[in-house]
Amino acid sequence: MKYCGFDVARMGNDYSVLINITFEEKVRVERIDFFSKIELMELCGWSIQIFKKMVPDKTMVDMIGVGAGVYDRLREQGFPVVGVNVAESPCRNVEDFKNKKSEMYWNLRGLFEREEIEIPNIPHRNKLTAELSKMKYTYDSKGKLQIVDPEDKSPDFADSLALACYGPIISARVPGVVMF
């Protein structure tokens, strides 16, 4: 299966990052693309060109803020997008995670611990690994794990990878049915 994670930004200091992975025996990062200071409809056009080359089975789009508009436009164009609001409740283990973002990153952490993910020496790899190394977590007063973003900059590359690797989890979820 091919999944994409799409962390969307607009005109500030953050990046719009699209990471393509394949998910077979291991997760393999195939491609990392990013833009900064780009208007949303141009960003949609850029991503469509990448989707035509990579042909993902599903793309997880961060729907908080400006990502909702990109999700809507890509969906309107017939692309297989899944909107992910990382602030919502997790898909599984609701008692363990504060939100979907926590669940996404814990899933990503597990992939690294089990050596089930490969990030080959491709363009922008260093940006991704630098952000991943800055990620931290803590627990809230209810004992739920929560992710702490670095203070200096939004982890756009790391978020995009976490979204891509979350694809199999969120795709298996059936609305209204507790599966785990």
C-alpha atoms as a PDB file:
ATOM      1  CA  MET A   1       0.000   0.000   0.000  1.00  0.00           C
ATOM      2  CA  LYS A   2       1.075   3.573  -0.652  1.00  0.00           C
ATOM      3  CA  TYR A   3       0.213   6.291   1.826  1.00  0.00           C
ATOM      4  CA  CYS A   4       0.919  10.010   1.981  1.00  0.00           C
ATOM      5  CA  GLY A   5       0.981  12.352   4.918  1.00  0.00           C
ATOM      6  CA  PHE A   6       0.200  15.981   4.123  1.00  0.00           C
ATOM      7  CA  ASP A   7       0.895  18.677   6.693  1.00  0.00           C
ATOM      8  CA  VAL A   8      -0.460  21.927   5.266  1.00  0.00           C
ATOM      9  CA  ALA A   9       0.780  25.454   5.925  1.00  0.00           C
ATOM     10  CA  ARG A  10       0.266  28.708   4.104  1.00  0.00           C
ATOM     11  CA  MET A  11       2.168  31.978   4.332  1.00  0.00           C
ATOM     12  CA  GLY A  12       3.997  31.879   7.685  1.00  0.00           C
ATOM     13  CA  ASN A  13       7.298  30.257   8.632  1.00  0.00           C
ATOM     14  CA  ASP A  14       5.889  26.728   8.484  1.00  0.00           C
ATOM     15  CA  TYR A  15       6.220  24.370   5.534  1.00  0.00           C
ATOM     16  CA  SER A  16       3.625  22.384   3.623  1.00  0.00           C
ATOM     17  CA  VAL A  17       5.123  18.890   3.603  1.00  0.00           C
ATOM     18  CA  LEU A  18       4.007  15.846   1.647  1.00  0.00           C
ATOM     19  CA  ILE A  19       5.696  12.548   2.498  1.00  0.00           C
ATOM     20  CA  ASN A  20       5.040   9.418   0.462  1.00  0.00           C
ATOM     21  CA  ILE A  21       5.585   5.987   2.004  1.00  0.00           C
ATOM     22  CA  THR A  22       5.104   2.412   0.954  1.00  0.00           C
ATOM     23  CA  PHE A  23       3.812   0.013   3.564  1.00  0.00           C
ATOM     24  CA  GLU A  24       4.622  -3.617   2.931  1.00  0.00           C
ATOM     25  CA  GLU A  25       6.839  -5.648   5.245  1.00  0.00           C
ATOM     26  CA  LYS A  26       8.362  -2.365   6.419  1.00  0.00           C
ATOM     27  CA  VAL A  27       7.449   1.261   6.039  1.00  0.00           C
ATOM     28  CA  ARG A  28       9.723   2.931   3.529  1.00  0.00           C
ATOM     29  CA  VAL A  29       9.849   6.674   2.955  1.00  0.00           C
ATOM     30  CA  GLU A  30       9.852   7.081  -0.822  1.00  0.00           C
ATOM     31  CA  ARG A  31       9.669  10.829  -1.316  1.00  0.00           C
ATOM     32  CA  ILE A  32       9.650  14.064   0.692  1.00  0.00           C
ATOM     33  CA  ASP A  33       8.368  17.280  -0.898  1.00  0.00           C
ATOM     34  CA  PHE A  34       7.810  20.666   0.696  1.00  0.00           C
ATOM     35  CA  PHE A  35       6.874  24.249  -0.089  1.00  0.00           C
ATOM     36  CA  SER A  36       6.730  27.442   1.918  1.00  0.00           C
ATOM     37  CA  LYS A  37       4.743  30.636   1.488  1.00  0.00           C
ATOM     38  CA  ILE A  38       2.403  29.238  -1.146  1.00  0.00           C
ATOM     39  CA  GLU A  39      -1.304  29.915  -1.611  1.00  0.00           C
ATOM     40  CA  LEU A  40      -3.636  26.990  -1.040  1.00  0.00           C
ATOM     41  CA  MET A  41      -4.936  26.441  -4.577  1.00  0.00           C
ATOM     42  CA  GLU A  42      -1.394  26.504  -5.955  1.00  0.00           C
ATOM     43  CA  LEU A  43      -0.480  24.013  -3.230  1.00  0.00           C
ATOM     44  CA  CYS A  44      -3.340  21.784  -4.390  1.00  0.00           C
ATOM     45  CA  GLY A  45      -2.028  21.938  -7.965  1.00  0.00           C
ATOM     46  CA  TRP A  46       1.468  21.074  -6.747  1.00  0.00           C
ATOM     47  CA  SER A  47       0.206  18.087  -4.761  1.00  0.00           C
ATOM     48  CA  ILE A  48      -1.920  16.825  -7.668  1.00  0.00           C
ATOM     49  CA  GLN A  49       1.207  16.647  -9.843  1.00  0.00           C
ATOM     50  CA  ILE A  50       2.947  14.585  -7.159  1.00  0.00           C
ATOM     51  CA  PHE A  51      -0.086  12.302  -6.734  1.00  0.00           C
ATOM     52  CA  LYS A  52      -0.074  11.612 -10.476  1.00  0.00           C
ATOM     53  CA  LYS A  53       3.515  10.306 -10.161  1.00  0.00           C
ATOM     54  CA  MET A  54       3.241   8.500  -6.817  1.00  0.00           C
ATOM     55  CA  VAL A  55      -0.411   7.313  -7.056  1.00  0.00           C
ATOM     56  CA  PRO A  56      -1.077   6.909  -3.324  1.00  0.00           C
ATOM     57  CA  ASP A  57      -3.829   4.614  -2.120  1.00  0.00           C
ATOM     58  CA  LYS A  58      -4.688   7.167   0.582  1.00  0.00           C
ATOM     59  CA  THR A  59      -3.448  10.568   1.678  1.00  0.00           C
ATOM     60  CA  MET A  60      -3.848  11.651   5.294  1.00  0.00           C
ATOM     61  CA  VAL A  61      -4.368  15.434   5.374  1.00  0.00           C
ATOM     62  CA  ASP A  62      -4.022  17.417   8.596  1.00  0.00           C
ATOM     63  CA  MET A  63      -7.390  19.185   8.621  1.00  0.00           C
ATOM     64  CA  ILE A  64      -6.748  21.690  11.373  1.00  0.00           C
ATOM     65  CA  GLY A  65      -6.795  25.234  10.007  1.00  0.00           C
ATOM     66  CA  VAL A  66      -5.871  25.745   6.358  1.00  0.00           C
ATOM     67  CA  GLY A  67      -5.521  22.001   5.754  1.00  0.00           C
ATOM     68  CA  ALA A  68      -9.321  21.730   5.625  1.00  0.00           C
ATOM     69  CA  GLY A  69      -9.428  23.737   2.391  1.00  0.00           C
ATOM     70  CA  VAL A  70      -6.755  21.591   0.770  1.00  0.00           C
ATOM     71  CA  TYR A  71      -8.583  18.430   1.883  1.00  0.00           C
ATOM     72  CA  ASP A  72     -11.865  19.727   0.419  1.00  0.00           C
ATOM     73  CA  ARG A  73     -10.287  20.640  -2.916  1.00  0.00           C
ATOM     74  CA  LEU A  74      -8.398  17.356  -3.311  1.00  0.00           C
ATOM     75  CA  ARG A  75     -11.517  15.405  -2.373  1.00  0.00           C
ATOM     76  CA  GLU A  76     -13.524  17.419  -4.901  1.00  0.00           C
ATOM     77  CA  GLN A  77     -10.930  16.461  -7.545  1.00  0.00           C
ATOM     78  CA  GLY A  78     -11.468  12.761  -6.745  1.00  0.00           C
ATOM     79  CA  PHE A  79      -8.252  12.029  -4.864  1.00  0.00           C
ATOM     80  CA  PRO A  80      -8.343   9.432  -2.054  1.00  0.00           C
ATOM     81  CA  VAL A  81      -7.860  11.787   0.894  1.00  0.00           C
ATOM     82  CA  VAL A  82      -8.651  11.182   4.542  1.00  0.00           C
ATOM     83  CA  GLY A  83      -9.055  14.210   6.782  1.00  0.00           C
ATOM     84  CA  VAL A  84      -7.312  13.883  10.127  1.00  0.00           C
ATOM     85  CA  ASN A  85      -7.999  16.303  12.958  1.00  0.00           C
ATOM     86  CA  VAL A  86      -5.058  15.559  15.241  1.00  0.00           C
ATOM     87  CA  ALA A  87      -6.795  17.245  18.188  1.00  0.00           C
ATOM     88  CA  GLU A  88      -9.667  14.716  18.169  1.00  0.00           C
ATOM     89  CA  SER A  89      -9.838  11.563  20.273  1.00  0.00           C
ATOM     90  CA  PRO A  90      -7.548   8.726  19.206  1.00  0.00           C
ATOM     91  CA  CYS A  91      -8.841   5.839  17.065  1.00  0.00           C
ATOM     92  CA  ARG A  92      -7.906   3.257  19.681  1.00  0.00           C
ATOM     93  CA  ASN A  93      -6.644   3.177  23.267  1.00  0.00           C
ATOM     94  CA  VAL A  94      -8.632   6.286  24.207  1.00  0.00           C
ATOM     95  CA  GLU A  95      -7.569   5.832  27.820  1.00  0.00           C
ATOM     96  CA  ASP A  96      -3.855   6.013  26.908  1.00  0.00           C
ATOM     97  CA  PHE A  97      -3.613   8.941  24.474  1.00  0.00           C
ATOM     98  CA  LYS A  98      -4.730  12.553  24.808  1.00  0.00           C
ATOM     99  CA  ASN A  99      -5.536  12.889  21.094  1.00  0.00           C
ATOM    100  CA  LYS A 100      -4.863  11.511  17.621  1.00  0.00           C
ATOM    101  CA  LYS A 101      -1.522  13.313  17.440  1.00  0.00           C
ATOM    102  CA  SER A 102      -0.292  11.400  20.482  1.00  0.00           C
ATOM    103  CA  GLU A 103      -1.506   8.132  19.003  1.00  0.00           C
ATOM    104  CA  MET A 104       0.113   8.926  15.649  1.00  0.00           C
ATOM    105  CA  TYR A 105       3.499   9.648  17.178  1.00  0.00           C
ATOM    106  CA  TRP A 106       3.378   6.626  19.479  1.00  0.00           C
ATOM    107  CA  ASN A 107       2.668   4.476  16.434  1.00  0.00           C
ATOM    108  CA  LEU A 108       5.646   6.085  14.675  1.00  0.00           C
ATOM    109  CA  ARG A 109       7.841   5.498  17.716  1.00  0.00           C
ATOM    110  CA  GLY A 110       6.870   1.822  17.687  1.00  0.00           C
ATOM    111  CA  LEU A 111       7.856   1.511  14.032  1.00  0.00           C
ATOM    112  CA  PHE A 112      11.321   2.874  14.832  1.00  0.00           C
ATOM    113  CA  GLU A 113      11.728   0.693  17.931  1.00  0.00           C
ATOM    114  CA  ARG A 114      10.800  -2.456  16.013  1.00  0.00           C
ATOM    115  CA  GLU A 115      13.017  -1.354  13.098  1.00  0.00           C
ATOM    116  CA  GLU A 116      10.014  -1.464  10.779  1.00  0.00           C
ATOM    117  CA  ILE A 117      10.708   1.851   9.059  1.00  0.00           C
ATOM    118  CA  GLU A 118      13.369   2.883   6.558  1.00  0.00           C
ATOM    119  CA  ILE A 119      14.311   6.429   5.621  1.00  0.00           C
ATOM    120  CA  PRO A 120      16.809   6.112   2.778  1.00  0.00           C
ATOM    121  CA  ASN A 121      19.203   8.881   1.827  1.00  0.00           C
ATOM    122  CA  ILE A 122      16.709  10.882  -0.268  1.00  0.00           C
ATOM    123  CA  PRO A 123      16.340  14.656  -0.636  1.00  0.00           C
ATOM    124  CA  HIS A 124      15.172  16.411   2.553  1.00  0.00           C
ATOM    125  CA  ARG A 125      15.917  13.376   4.754  1.00  0.00           C
ATOM    126  CA  ASN A 126      18.028  15.537   7.071  1.00  0.00           C
ATOM    127  CA  LYS A 127      15.165  17.977   7.655  1.00  0.00           C
ATOM    128  CA  LEU A 128      12.913  15.064   8.618  1.00  0.00           C
ATOM    129  CA  THR A 129      15.386  13.352  10.940  1.00  0.00           C
ATOM    130  CA  ALA A 130      16.296  16.663  12.625  1.00  0.00           C
ATOM    131  CA  GLU A 131      12.646  17.283  13.486  1.00  0.00           C
ATOM    132  CA  LEU A 132      12.054  13.707  14.635  1.00  0.00           C
ATOM    133  CA  SER A 133      14.976  13.982  17.047  1.00  0.00           C
ATOM    134  CA  LYS A 134      13.396  17.027  18.745  1.00  0.00           C
ATOM    135  CA  MET A 135      10.019  15.412  19.492  1.00  0.00           C
ATOM    136  CA  LYS A 136       9.145  14.872  23.146  1.00  0.00           C
ATOM    137  CA  TYR A 137       6.206  13.567  25.108  1.00  0.00           C
ATOM    138  CA  THR A 138       4.755  13.937  28.567  1.00  0.00           C
ATOM    139  CA  TYR A 139       1.644  12.806  30.451  1.00  0.00           C
ATOM    140  CA  ASP A 140      -1.339  14.899  31.438  1.00  0.00           C
ATOM    141  CA  SER A 141      -2.983  14.762  34.864  1.00  0.00           C
ATOM    142  CA  LYS A 142      -5.200  11.846  33.730  1.00  0.00           C
ATOM    143  CA  GLY A 143      -2.159   9.777  32.750  1.00  0.00           C
ATOM    144  CA  LYS A 144      -2.705  10.239  29.013  1.00  0.00           C
ATOM    145  CA  LEU A 145       0.323  10.555  26.772  1.00  0.00           C
ATOM    146  CA  GLN A 146       0.621  13.850  24.919  1.00  0.00           C
ATOM    147  CA  ILE A 147       3.127  15.142  22.381  1.00  0.00           C
ATOM    148  CA  VAL A 148       5.103  18.300  23.104  1.00  0.00           C
ATOM    149  CA  ASP A 149       6.050  20.187  19.950  1.00  0.00           C
ATOM    150  CA  PRO A 150       9.498  21.798  19.867  1.00  0.00           C
ATOM    151  CA  GLU A 151       9.413  25.444  20.962  1.00  0.00           C
ATOM    152  CA  ASP A 152      11.443  26.805  18.051  1.00  0.00           C
ATOM    153  CA  LYS A 153       9.380  25.590  15.079  1.00  0.00           C
ATOM    154  CA  SER A 154       6.407  23.475  14.093  1.00  0.00           C
ATOM    155  CA  PRO A 155       7.520  19.914  13.257  1.00  0.00           C
ATOM    156  CA  ASP A 156       6.048  19.931   9.737  1.00  0.00           C
ATOM    157  CA  PHE A 157       8.225  17.123   8.329  1.00  0.00           C
ATOM    158  CA  ALA A 158       7.750  14.933  11.413  1.00  0.00           C
ATOM    159  CA  ASP A 159       3.987  15.569  11.423  1.00  0.00           C
ATOM    160  CA  SER A 160       3.770  14.583   7.770  1.00  0.00           C
ATOM    161  CA  LEU A 161       5.565  11.287   8.407  1.00  0.00           C
ATOM    162  CA  ALA A 162       3.406  10.582  11.465  1.00  0.00           C
ATOM    163  CA  LEU A 163       0.293  11.212   9.350  1.00  0.00           C
ATOM    164  CA  ALA A 164       1.506   8.914   6.552  1.00  0.00           C
ATOM    165  CA  CYS A 165       2.303   6.087   8.986  1.00  0.00           C
ATOM    166  CA  TYR A 166      -1.104   6.585  10.643  1.00  0.00           C
ATOM    167  CA  GLY A 167      -2.810   5.697   7.361  1.00  0.00           C
ATOM    168  CA  PRO A 168      -3.203   1.961   8.052  1.00  0.00           C
ATOM    169  CA  ILE A 169      -4.645   2.665  11.515  1.00  0.00           C
ATOM    170  CA  ILE A 170      -7.190   5.271  10.515  1.00  0.00           C
ATOM    171  CA  SER A 171      -8.089   3.411   7.296  1.00  0.00           C
ATOM    172  CA  ALA A 172      -9.020   0.309   9.289  1.00  0.00           C
ATOM    173  CA  ARG A 173     -11.394   2.279  11.492  1.00  0.00           C
ATOM    174  CA  VAL A 174     -15.100   1.881  10.816  1.00  0.00           C
ATOM    175  CA  PRO A 175     -17.126   4.906  11.956  1.00  0.00           C
ATOM    176  CA  GLY A 176     -19.315   4.062  14.938  1.00  0.00           C
ATOM    177  CA  VAL A 177     -17.630   0.707  15.576  1.00  0.00           C
ATOM    178  CA  VAL A 178     -15.000   0.179  18.261  1.00  0.00           C
ATOM    179  CA  MET A 179     -12.372  -2.053  16.658  1.00  0.00           C
ATOM    180  CA  PHE A 180      -9.612  -2.140  19.265  1.00  0.00           C
END
